[in-house]
Protein backbone atom coordinates (compact mmCIF):
# COMPACT_ATOMS: atom_id res chain seq x y z
CA MET A 1 -9.15 -3.80 17.61
CA GLU A 2 -7.97 -0.78 17.88
CA LYS A 3 -5.03 -1.71 15.39
CA VAL A 4 -7.99 -2.54 13.16
CA MET A 5 -10.00 0.71 13.77
CA LEU A 6 -6.77 2.26 12.75
CA VAL A 7 -5.78 0.52 9.76
CA LEU A 8 -9.59 1.11 8.27
CA LYS A 9 -8.94 4.52 9.15
CA MET A 10 -5.71 4.97 6.53
CA LEU A 11 -7.48 2.74 3.94
CA PRO A 12 -8.88 5.43 1.88
CA VAL A 13 -5.34 6.91 2.06
CA ILE A 14 -3.08 3.72 1.06
CA ILE A 15 -5.88 3.35 -1.61
CA ALA A 16 -4.57 6.30 -3.33
CA ALA A 17 -0.48 5.47 -2.30
CA ILE A 18 -0.49 2.49 -4.21
CA LYS A 19 -2.38 3.80 -7.16
CA ALA A 20 -0.15 7.34 -7.94
CA ILE A 21 2.64 4.61 -6.92
CA GLU A 22 1.16 2.94 -9.59
CA GLU A 23 1.13 5.52 -11.67
CA ALA A 24 4.50 6.72 -11.32
CA ILE A 25 6.62 3.49 -11.72
CA PRO A 26 4.11 1.50 -14.10
CA GLY A 27 4.70 -2.36 -15.13
CA ASN A 28 5.29 -5.46 -13.48
CA GLY A 29 8.06 -7.33 -11.36
CA GLN A 30 8.35 -4.13 -9.21
CA GLY A 31 6.85 -4.59 -6.55
CA GLU A 32 9.13 -5.39 -3.92
CA GLN A 33 10.55 -1.53 -4.75
CA LYS A 34 6.84 -0.58 -4.95
CA LEU A 35 6.04 -1.54 -1.39
CA ALA A 36 9.03 -0.24 -0.11
CA MET A 37 8.73 3.38 -1.27
CA LEU A 38 5.22 3.46 -0.28
CA ARG A 39 6.51 2.16 3.85
CA GLN A 40 9.40 4.68 2.89
CA ILE A 41 6.19 7.59 2.83
CA LEU A 42 4.00 5.97 5.23
CA GLU A 43 7.00 6.37 7.78
CA LEU A 44 8.42 9.68 6.73
CA ALA A 45 4.40 10.88 7.37
CA ASP A 46 3.97 9.34 10.72
CA GLY A 47 6.81 7.26 12.09
CA THR A 48 4.94 5.24 14.31
CA ILE A 49 3.56 3.12 10.66
CA THR A 50 6.68 0.95 11.82
CA ASN A 51 5.03 -0.52 14.48
CA ILE A 52 2.08 -1.16 12.09
CA TRP A 53 4.38 -1.90 8.82
CA PRO A 54 3.29 -6.04 8.88
CA THR A 55 -0.01 -5.46 9.25
CA ILE A 56 -0.21 -2.45 6.19
CA GLU A 57 2.27 -5.04 3.99
CA GLY A 58 -0.61 -7.18 4.27
CA LEU A 59 -3.38 -5.25 3.63
CA VAL A 60 -1.23 -3.61 0.18
CA LYS A 61 -0.81 -6.87 -0.34
CA VAL A 62 -4.30 -8.03 -0.89
CA LEU A 63 -5.09 -5.00 -2.70
CA VAL A 64 -2.61 -5.01 -5.33
CA LYS A 65 -3.95 -8.39 -6.25
CA THR A 66 -7.35 -6.97 -6.29
CA PHE A 67 -6.59 -5.01 -8.39
CA ASN A 68 -4.13 -6.49 -10.88
CA ASP A 69 -7.17 -9.46 -11.03
CA THR A 70 -10.04 -7.16 -11.65
CA GLY A 71 -8.10 -4.88 -14.14
CA VAL A 72 -7.81 -1.73 -12.29
CA PHE A 73 -4.17 -2.18 -13.13
CA LYS A 74 -3.72 -3.31 -16.79
CA LYS A 75 -0.97 -5.41 -16.88
């Protein structure tokens, strides 16, 4: 439950970072590079992110898919 609370607290930061990265590097086919960039940014900010990265990575994939499907990110 502690991990869930931590990830939920981070959600606004993660969403803002995803949107900023998408704005900086628009377009398709670069998802892995964008995900790696997000990980590096978060790890620079807090090295303990490594411990919960699999959870964050899954969350990011859900968010990006939803943003793509709903038109938040223009293709």
